[in-house]
Amino acid sequence: MLRTAVRHILLLIPLLCCTLLADGQVLDSAAEARIKDTVDRYYRLHPRRHPSHRPSDFRVMPLFGAMYTQETEFLAMGGFMGSGRTSEDTLAPPSTVGAVLMISTNLSAAGAITGAWVSRRGDFLIQYSAAYIYGPRYFWGLGYEAASLDGNRGRMVSHRARARADLLYRRGSLLNAGGFVSYAYLGVLELTSSFPMEGEPMETHYAGVGARLDLDTRDSSSEPSRGILITAEESVHFNLRGGRPFFRTEVTADFYLPLWEGGVLALDLYGQLNSRAAPWTVWPDAGGDIRLRGYYRGRYRDRNLLSAQMELRQRVYGPHGLAVWGGAGNVFPSFRELDIKNTLPTYGAGYRFSFLGLVLRLDAGFGLRGQWAVTAGVSHSF
């Protein structure tokens, strides 16, 4: 409010001067002093918004930890996350860069780089990420029915590489719009399963291009307590070894509502739909540390995925907090074949620790057939 008032005062000065001059008067020195004092007091209270303010130095924080999941067994990870302001717009997000390496007791290994760069004026944003993942996994087959049969479990060893870069135009702090390019590779080195895989590709290379639109009214990107975040993407992915391209639609809608002191209710709705030309290597799968937490990632996979989850977050004492959630999801080949009986429930609880603008989390999630997982991450799951 005060910033808006100051802006209005500054805009009215020329008009006021013209009016007084027309009456044969001038703006006296006392009035000038009062206006200057008002502006100076505002900038003393809000030094980050002063035109002479310079962004803070780049800060780097080490990251390390351990967790257990059914996919990787015990996993150790280490890396760093750095942030700093590259924009003169203090309302723009900071630029970030991070890297992490992971290795587990079942010989899985992964490395990832991620980051974002904000232009000097704050009107353009570049986001980028790249990852390589190698490791053995259990494999039940394709679709809900195959995953529901414990006797289908086999073994798959694969390695995959992914990369993506987004160029977005920022319209204030509410709207991002732009496009992205991506690359995805998956190669199966070993596969033993009773599920028939005749005719299915064991290696795929895809390059993609798409459009993206974000609407963001959250009060904070790291610890939101109110507002919404809606992201919609439409993309086409080309087979680099020939063949038909496939199309993908992906929508995320997150809502945040403050309940009481330190309590926030968060709701996440997600959908990913792929056209029939999409091979099984690019299908979405249930599980992981974001949605349908508690499921063995990759056991339930199909051409499309819909999910919803609700999480109650409570700040307990200082930087310490707790969270409980419940949700459900469904993997299915097409809307015509969507069966509500195949819905996968999920629930769990976790610990939160806020530190230097980041949120570190540790979650225990549970699903059908005794499936469970303990996962760790930086930032809330959504």
Protein backbone atom coordinates (compact mmCIF):
# COMPACT_ATOMS: atom_id res chain seq x y z
CA MET A 1 0.00 0.00 0.00
CA LEU A 2 2.74 2.44 0.96
CA ARG A 3 4.68 1.69 -2.21
CA THR A 4 1.57 2.39 -4.30
CA ALA A 5 0.96 5.63 -2.42
CA VAL A 6 4.53 6.80 -3.05
CA ARG A 7 4.19 5.97 -6.74
CA HIS A 8 0.97 8.01 -6.92
CA ILE A 9 2.62 10.96 -5.15
CA LEU A 10 5.53 10.91 -7.60
CA LEU A 11 3.16 10.78 -10.56
CA LEU A 12 1.07 13.69 -9.22
CA ILE A 13 4.03 16.05 -8.74
CA PRO A 14 4.16 17.24 -12.41
CA LEU A 15 0.38 17.74 -12.48
CA LEU A 16 0.45 19.68 -9.21
CA CYS A 17 3.30 21.89 -10.47
CA CYS A 18 1.44 22.70 -13.69
CA THR A 19 -1.72 23.62 -11.76
CA LEU A 20 0.11 25.96 -9.40
CA LEU A 21 2.08 27.60 -12.20
CA ALA A 22 -1.15 28.22 -14.06
CA ASP A 23 -2.36 30.19 -11.03
CA GLY A 24 0.84 32.18 -11.00
CA GLN A 25 2.25 30.30 -8.04
CA VAL A 26 5.21 27.95 -7.53
CA LEU A 27 5.69 24.90 -5.38
CA ASP A 28 7.40 26.29 -2.28
CA SER A 29 10.50 24.71 -0.76
CA ALA A 30 8.61 23.50 2.33
CA ALA A 31 6.27 21.37 0.19
CA GLU A 32 9.25 19.96 -1.73
CA ALA A 33 10.96 19.04 1.53
CA ARG A 34 7.85 17.28 2.84
CA ILE A 35 7.53 15.17 -0.33
CA LYS A 36 11.25 14.32 -0.36
CA ASP A 37 11.09 13.34 3.32
CA THR A 38 8.14 11.00 2.63
CA VAL A 39 10.00 9.26 -0.20
CA ASP A 40 13.24 8.99 1.79
CA ARG A 41 11.46 7.48 4.79
CA TYR A 42 9.80 4.91 2.50
CA TYR A 43 13.15 3.79 1.07
CA ARG A 44 14.71 3.65 4.53
CA LEU A 45 11.99 1.20 5.50
CA HIS A 46 12.28 -0.72 2.19
CA PRO A 47 15.98 -0.55 1.21
CA ARG A 48 15.67 -3.51 -1.22
CA ARG A 49 13.34 -1.41 -3.37
CA HIS A 50 15.63 1.62 -3.62
CA PRO A 51 16.89 2.25 -7.20
CA SER A 52 20.47 2.11 -5.93
CA HIS A 53 19.99 -1.30 -4.31
CA ARG A 54 22.34 -3.96 -5.61
CA PRO A 55 21.52 -7.67 -5.53
CA SER A 56 23.08 -9.76 -2.80
CA ASP A 57 26.03 -12.01 -3.50
CA PHE A 58 25.62 -15.53 -4.82
CA ARG A 59 25.20 -18.03 -1.99
CA VAL A 60 25.97 -21.75 -2.11
CA MET A 61 24.65 -24.32 0.33
CA PRO A 62 25.85 -27.95 0.41
CA LEU A 63 23.24 -30.69 0.27
CA PHE A 64 23.71 -34.21 1.55
CA GLY A 65 21.57 -36.94 3.01
CA ALA A 66 20.36 -40.51 2.88
CA MET A 67 17.02 -42.21 2.36
CA TYR A 68 15.46 -45.57 1.70
CA THR A 69 13.03 -46.52 -1.06
CA GLN A 70 11.92 -49.85 -2.44
CA GLU A 71 13.40 -48.92 -5.84
CA THR A 72 16.92 -48.06 -4.70
CA GLU A 73 17.23 -49.53 -1.18
CA PHE A 74 19.56 -47.29 0.87
CA LEU A 75 20.68 -44.26 -1.10
CA ALA A 76 23.28 -41.59 -0.32
CA MET A 77 23.33 -38.25 -2.09
CA GLY A 78 25.43 -35.14 -2.07
CA GLY A 79 25.54 -31.89 -3.98
CA PHE A 80 24.92 -28.19 -3.67
CA MET A 81 22.35 -25.51 -4.33
CA GLY A 82 23.25 -21.91 -5.04
CA SER A 83 21.16 -18.80 -5.46
CA GLY A 84 21.66 -15.12 -6.11
CA ARG A 85 19.92 -12.19 -7.71
CA THR A 86 20.70 -11.35 -11.33
CA SER A 87 17.70 -9.06 -11.79
CA GLU A 88 17.27 -5.45 -10.71
CA ASP A 89 13.58 -6.25 -10.14
CA THR A 90 13.48 -7.22 -6.46
CA LEU A 91 10.09 -8.88 -6.97
CA ALA A 92 11.58 -11.33 -9.48
CA PRO A 93 12.75 -14.72 -8.19
CA PRO A 94 16.49 -15.27 -7.65
CA SER A 95 18.62 -17.15 -10.15
CA THR A 96 19.58 -20.63 -8.98
CA VAL A 97 21.85 -23.52 -9.89
CA GLY A 98 22.21 -26.91 -8.28
CA ALA A 99 23.76 -30.32 -8.79
CA VAL A 100 23.43 -33.66 -7.05
CA LEU A 101 24.99 -37.12 -7.28
CA MET A 102 23.37 -40.26 -5.89
CA ILE A 103 24.43 -43.87 -5.40
CA SER A 104 22.61 -46.71 -3.69
CA THR A 105 23.19 -50.15 -2.27
CA ASN A 106 21.49 -51.88 -5.23
CA LEU A 107 24.05 -50.21 -7.57
CA SER A 108 21.70 -47.52 -8.83
CA ALA A 109 23.39 -44.23 -9.67
CA ALA A 110 22.19 -40.84 -10.85
CA GLY A 111 23.40 -37.32 -11.44
CA ALA A 112 21.42 -34.16 -12.13
CA ILE A 113 21.93 -30.47 -12.81
CA THR A 114 19.12 -27.94 -12.53
CA GLY A 115 18.80 -24.18 -12.40
CA ALA A 116 17.11 -20.97 -13.46
CA TRP A 117 18.38 -17.62 -14.75
CA VAL A 118 16.44 -14.36 -14.54
CA SER A 119 17.24 -11.50 -16.92
CA ARG A 120 18.46 -8.14 -15.63
CA ARG A 121 15.07 -6.49 -16.10
CA GLY A 122 13.29 -9.54 -14.69
CA ASP A 123 11.09 -9.98 -17.76
CA PHE A 124 12.64 -13.23 -19.04
CA LEU A 125 13.33 -16.49 -17.26
CA ILE A 126 15.36 -19.49 -18.43
CA GLN A 127 14.95 -22.80 -16.60
CA TYR A 128 17.14 -25.80 -17.39
CA SER A 129 17.73 -29.33 -16.16
CA ALA A 130 19.63 -32.44 -17.18
CA ALA A 131 19.84 -35.87 -15.55
CA TYR A 132 21.30 -39.33 -16.07
CA ILE A 133 19.92 -42.38 -14.23
CA TYR A 134 21.22 -45.94 -14.21
CA GLY A 135 19.99 -48.85 -12.19
CA PRO A 136 18.15 -52.15 -11.76
CA ARG A 137 14.42 -52.09 -11.09
CA TYR A 138 11.63 -54.58 -10.68
CA PHE A 139 9.27 -54.75 -13.64
CA TRP A 140 5.70 -56.09 -13.67
CA GLY A 141 4.63 -55.19 -17.19
CA LEU A 142 2.41 -52.52 -18.70
CA GLY A 143 -0.94 -51.37 -17.35
CA TYR A 144 -2.79 -51.73 -14.06
CA GLU A 145 -3.77 -55.38 -14.50
CA ALA A 146 -0.19 -56.55 -15.09
CA ALA A 147 1.10 -54.56 -12.12
CA SER A 148 -1.55 -56.08 -9.85
CA LEU A 149 -0.17 -59.62 -10.34
CA ASP A 150 2.75 -60.23 -8.00
CA GLY A 151 3.84 -63.21 -10.13
CA ASN A 152 4.60 -60.90 -13.04
CA ARG A 153 7.53 -59.34 -11.22
CA GLY A 154 10.75 -59.50 -13.18
CA ARG A 155 13.93 -57.48 -13.40
CA MET A 156 14.89 -54.59 -15.66
CA VAL A 157 18.22 -52.82 -15.90
CA SER A 158 18.14 -49.56 -17.82
CA HIS A 159 19.83 -46.23 -18.22
CA ARG A 160 18.18 -43.00 -19.22
CA ALA A 161 19.09 -39.41 -19.95
CA ARG A 162 16.84 -36.37 -19.90
CA ALA A 163 17.36 -32.70 -20.62
CA ARG A 164 15.07 -29.71 -20.90
CA ALA A 165 15.29 -25.93 -21.28
CA ASP A 166 12.40 -23.45 -20.91
CA LEU A 167 12.37 -19.84 -22.10
CA LEU A 168 9.58 -17.89 -20.39
CA TYR A 169 8.36 -14.31 -20.57
CA ARG A 170 7.40 -12.93 -17.15
CA ARG A 171 4.42 -10.61 -16.96
CA GLY A 172 4.71 -9.15 -13.50
CA SER A 173 4.81 -11.78 -10.79
CA LEU A 174 1.64 -13.61 -11.86
CA LEU A 175 2.10 -14.88 -15.41
CA ASN A 176 4.81 -16.82 -17.23
CA ALA A 177 4.41 -17.82 -20.87
CA GLY A 178 6.83 -19.33 -23.36
CA GLY A 179 8.18 -22.52 -24.83
CA PHE A 180 10.59 -25.34 -24.16
CA VAL A 181 12.72 -27.96 -25.87
CA SER A 182 13.47 -31.39 -24.42
CA TYR A 183 15.35 -34.62 -25.03
CA ALA A 184 14.61 -38.07 -23.58
CA TYR A 185 16.52 -41.31 -23.99
CA LEU A 186 15.87 -44.73 -22.47
CA GLY A 187 17.78 -47.92 -23.16
CA VAL A 188 16.95 -51.29 -21.62
CA LEU A 189 20.10 -53.32 -20.94
CA GLU A 190 18.37 -56.32 -19.37
CA LEU A 191 14.73 -57.39 -19.04
CA THR A 192 13.29 -60.56 -17.54
CA SER A 193 9.53 -60.69 -17.05
CA SER A 194 6.61 -63.00 -17.68
CA PHE A 195 4.75 -60.09 -19.26
CA PRO A 196 4.88 -60.31 -23.08
CA MET A 197 6.94 -57.46 -24.56
CA GLU A 198 7.11 -58.61 -28.19
CA GLY A 199 7.24 -55.65 -30.55
CA GLU A 200 7.90 -53.11 -27.79
CA PRO A 201 11.01 -50.94 -28.32
CA MET A 202 13.93 -51.46 -25.96
CA GLU A 203 15.63 -48.16 -26.85
CA THR A 204 14.08 -44.80 -27.72
CA HIS A 205 15.35 -41.30 -28.50
CA TYR A 206 12.91 -38.39 -28.55
CA ALA A 207 13.31 -34.64 -29.01
CA GLY A 208 10.39 -32.45 -28.03
CA VAL A 209 9.16 -28.89 -28.40
CA GLY A 210 6.23 -27.36 -26.56
CA ALA A 211 4.41 -24.34 -25.17
CA ARG A 212 3.89 -23.54 -21.50
CA LEU A 213 1.68 -21.16 -19.52
CA ASP A 214 1.93 -20.50 -15.75
CA LEU A 215 -0.47 -18.58 -13.54
CA ASP A 216 0.98 -17.99 -10.09
CA THR A 217 -0.68 -16.03 -7.25
CA ARG A 218 1.19 -17.75 -4.39
CA ASP A 219 2.58 -15.61 -1.61
CA SER A 220 5.83 -17.63 -1.64
CA SER A 221 7.40 -20.10 -4.06
CA SER A 222 9.20 -22.08 -1.34
CA GLU A 223 6.61 -22.09 1.47
CA PRO A 224 3.25 -20.97 0.03
CA SER A 225 0.41 -20.39 2.47
CA ARG A 226 -2.18 -18.93 0.10
CA GLY A 227 -2.83 -18.58 -3.63
CA ILE A 228 -2.80 -20.86 -6.66
CA LEU A 229 -0.31 -22.18 -9.20
CA ILE A 230 -1.60 -23.48 -12.53
CA THR A 231 0.79 -24.81 -15.17
CA ALA A 232 -0.39 -26.04 -18.58
CA GLU A 233 1.87 -27.58 -21.23
CA GLU A 234 1.26 -28.86 -24.74
CA SER A 235 4.10 -30.54 -26.62
CA VAL A 236 5.02 -32.75 -29.56
CA HIS A 237 7.88 -35.27 -29.39
CA PHE A 238 9.75 -36.54 -32.44
CA ASN A 239 11.34 -39.97 -32.73
CA LEU A 240 14.99 -39.37 -33.68
CA ARG A 241 15.18 -42.85 -35.21
CA GLY A 242 12.15 -42.42 -37.43
CA GLY A 243 8.53 -43.17 -36.77
CA ARG A 244 5.48 -41.24 -35.72
CA PRO A 245 5.70 -38.36 -33.25
CA PHE A 246 3.47 -38.32 -30.20
CA PHE A 247 1.64 -35.50 -28.45
CA ARG A 248 1.48 -34.77 -24.73
CA THR A 249 -0.80 -32.62 -22.59
CA GLU A 250 0.27 -31.93 -19.01
CA VAL A 251 -1.64 -29.83 -16.47
CA THR A 252 -0.86 -29.08 -12.81
CA ALA A 253 -3.16 -27.12 -10.50
CA ASP A 254 -2.07 -26.38 -6.92
CA PHE A 255 -4.18 -24.51 -4.34
CA TYR A 256 -3.12 -23.21 -0.91
CA LEU A 257 -5.40 -22.08 1.92
CA PRO A 258 -4.31 -20.80 5.37
CA LEU A 259 -6.35 -22.42 8.16
CA TRP A 260 -4.94 -21.15 11.46
CA GLU A 261 -1.63 -20.05 12.93
CA GLY A 262 1.05 -22.07 11.14
CA GLY A 263 -1.49 -24.35 9.42
CA VAL A 264 -1.90 -24.59 5.63
CA LEU A 265 -4.12 -26.86 3.54
CA ALA A 266 -2.60 -27.66 0.12
CA LEU A 267 -4.32 -29.39 -2.81
CA ASP A 268 -2.58 -30.78 -5.90
CA LEU A 269 -4.35 -31.90 -9.09
CA TYR A 270 -2.29 -33.40 -11.91
CA GLY A 271 -2.84 -34.96 -15.30
CA GLN A 272 -0.57 -36.23 -18.07
CA LEU A 273 -2.13 -37.48 -21.31
CA ASN A 274 -0.15 -38.98 -24.21
CA SER A 275 -1.32 -39.84 -27.70
CA ARG A 276 -1.42 -43.47 -28.88
CA ALA A 277 1.91 -43.15 -30.69
CA ALA A 278 3.76 -42.72 -27.37
CA PRO A 279 5.93 -45.81 -26.60
CA TRP A 280 5.95 -47.38 -23.15
CA THR A 281 9.38 -45.89 -22.42
CA VAL A 282 7.85 -42.39 -22.06
CA TRP A 283 4.64 -43.34 -20.23
CA PRO A 284 4.02 -41.76 -16.80
CA ASP A 285 4.33 -43.99 -13.75
CA ALA A 286 2.95 -43.88 -10.24
CA GLY A 287 5.25 -43.32 -7.28
CA GLY A 288 8.24 -41.17 -6.50
CA ASP A 289 8.59 -38.28 -4.05
CA ILE A 290 5.96 -35.92 -5.50
CA ARG A 291 2.74 -37.77 -6.33
CA LEU A 292 1.41 -41.14 -5.22
CA ARG A 293 4.16 -41.30 -2.63
CA GLY A 294 4.59 -44.78 -1.22
CA TYR A 295 4.32 -46.75 -4.48
CA TYR A 296 7.18 -48.54 -6.15
CA ARG A 297 7.94 -46.17 -8.98
CA GLY A 298 7.41 -47.90 -12.32
CA ARG A 299 5.21 -50.74 -11.07
CA TYR A 300 2.02 -49.01 -12.23
CA ARG A 301 2.53 -47.38 -15.60
CA ASP A 302 0.32 -46.64 -18.58
CA ARG A 303 -0.20 -44.10 -21.34
CA ASN A 304 -2.06 -41.62 -19.11
CA LEU A 305 -2.04 -40.60 -15.45
CA LEU A 306 -4.47 -38.60 -13.30
CA SER A 307 -3.86 -37.90 -9.62
CA ALA A 308 -5.05 -35.75 -6.72
CA GLN A 309 -3.63 -35.23 -3.24
CA MET A 310 -4.38 -33.07 -0.22
CA GLU A 311 -1.78 -32.18 2.39
CA LEU A 312 -2.10 -30.50 5.78
CA ARG A 313 1.07 -28.65 6.78
CA GLN A 314 1.63 -27.41 10.30
CA ARG A 315 4.50 -25.30 11.62
CA VAL A 316 5.22 -26.75 15.07
CA TYR A 317 8.13 -24.84 16.57
CA GLY A 318 10.60 -22.49 14.96
CA PRO A 319 11.82 -24.07 11.68
CA HIS A 320 10.26 -27.45 12.49
CA GLY A 321 6.99 -28.64 10.98
CA LEU A 322 4.90 -31.69 10.18
CA ALA A 323 2.69 -32.74 7.27
CA VAL A 324 0.05 -35.41 6.68
CA TRP A 325 -1.52 -36.21 3.33
CA GLY A 326 -3.92 -38.43 1.47
CA GLY A 327 -4.64 -38.85 -2.21
CA ALA A 328 -5.36 -41.12 -5.13
CA GLY A 329 -4.37 -41.68 -8.75
CA ASN A 330 -5.14 -43.79 -11.80
CA VAL A 331 -3.02 -45.02 -14.72
CA PHE A 332 -5.01 -45.95 -17.82
CA PRO A 333 -4.58 -46.43 -21.60
CA SER A 334 -7.45 -44.11 -22.68
CA PHE A 335 -10.49 -42.37 -21.20
CA ARG A 336 -12.69 -45.02 -22.79
CA GLU A 337 -10.82 -47.65 -20.76
CA LEU A 338 -10.58 -45.65 -17.53
CA ASP A 339 -11.82 -47.81 -14.63
CA ILE A 340 -12.50 -46.17 -11.28
CA LYS A 341 -11.91 -49.53 -9.55
CA ASN A 342 -8.25 -49.30 -10.54
CA THR A 343 -7.70 -46.17 -8.46
CA LEU A 344 -4.54 -46.19 -6.33
CA PRO A 345 -4.91 -44.66 -2.85
CA THR A 346 -1.97 -43.09 -1.04
CA TYR A 347 -1.42 -41.60 2.43
CA GLY A 348 1.44 -40.71 4.70
CA ALA A 349 3.14 -38.21 6.98
CA GLY A 350 6.39 -36.29 7.01
CA TYR A 351 8.75 -33.88 8.76
CA ARG A 352 9.63 -30.39 7.48
CA PHE A 353 12.61 -28.16 8.30
CA SER A 354 12.82 -24.59 6.98
CA PHE A 355 16.33 -23.23 6.48
CA LEU A 356 17.59 -20.17 4.55
CA GLY A 357 14.48 -19.99 2.41
CA LEU A 358 14.51 -23.73 1.64
CA VAL A 359 12.34 -26.52 2.98
CA LEU A 360 13.94 -29.90 3.67
CA ARG A 361 11.47 -32.77 3.95
CA LEU A 362 11.39 -36.41 4.98
CA ASP A 363 8.25 -38.40 4.11
CA ALA A 364 6.92 -41.89 4.73
CA GLY A 365 4.24 -42.89 2.23
CA PHE A 366 2.01 -45.95 1.96
CA GLY A 367 -0.07 -47.53 -0.81
CA LEU A 368 -1.78 -50.75 -1.88
CA ARG A 369 -0.43 -54.26 -1.24
CA GLY A 370 1.89 -53.24 1.57
CA GLN A 371 3.88 -50.82 -0.57
CA TRP A 372 5.70 -48.06 1.26
CA ALA A 373 8.63 -45.71 0.81
CA VAL A 374 10.69 -43.19 2.77
CA THR A 375 11.76 -40.26 0.62
CA ALA A 376 13.67 -37.03 1.18
CA GLY A 377 13.72 -33.86 -0.84
CA VAL A 378 14.34 -30.12 -1.03
CA SER A 379 11.13 -28.03 -1.03
CA HIS A 380 7.61 -29.21 -0.47
CA SER A 381 6.37 -31.98 -2.75
CA PHE A 382 4.11 -29.38 -4.38
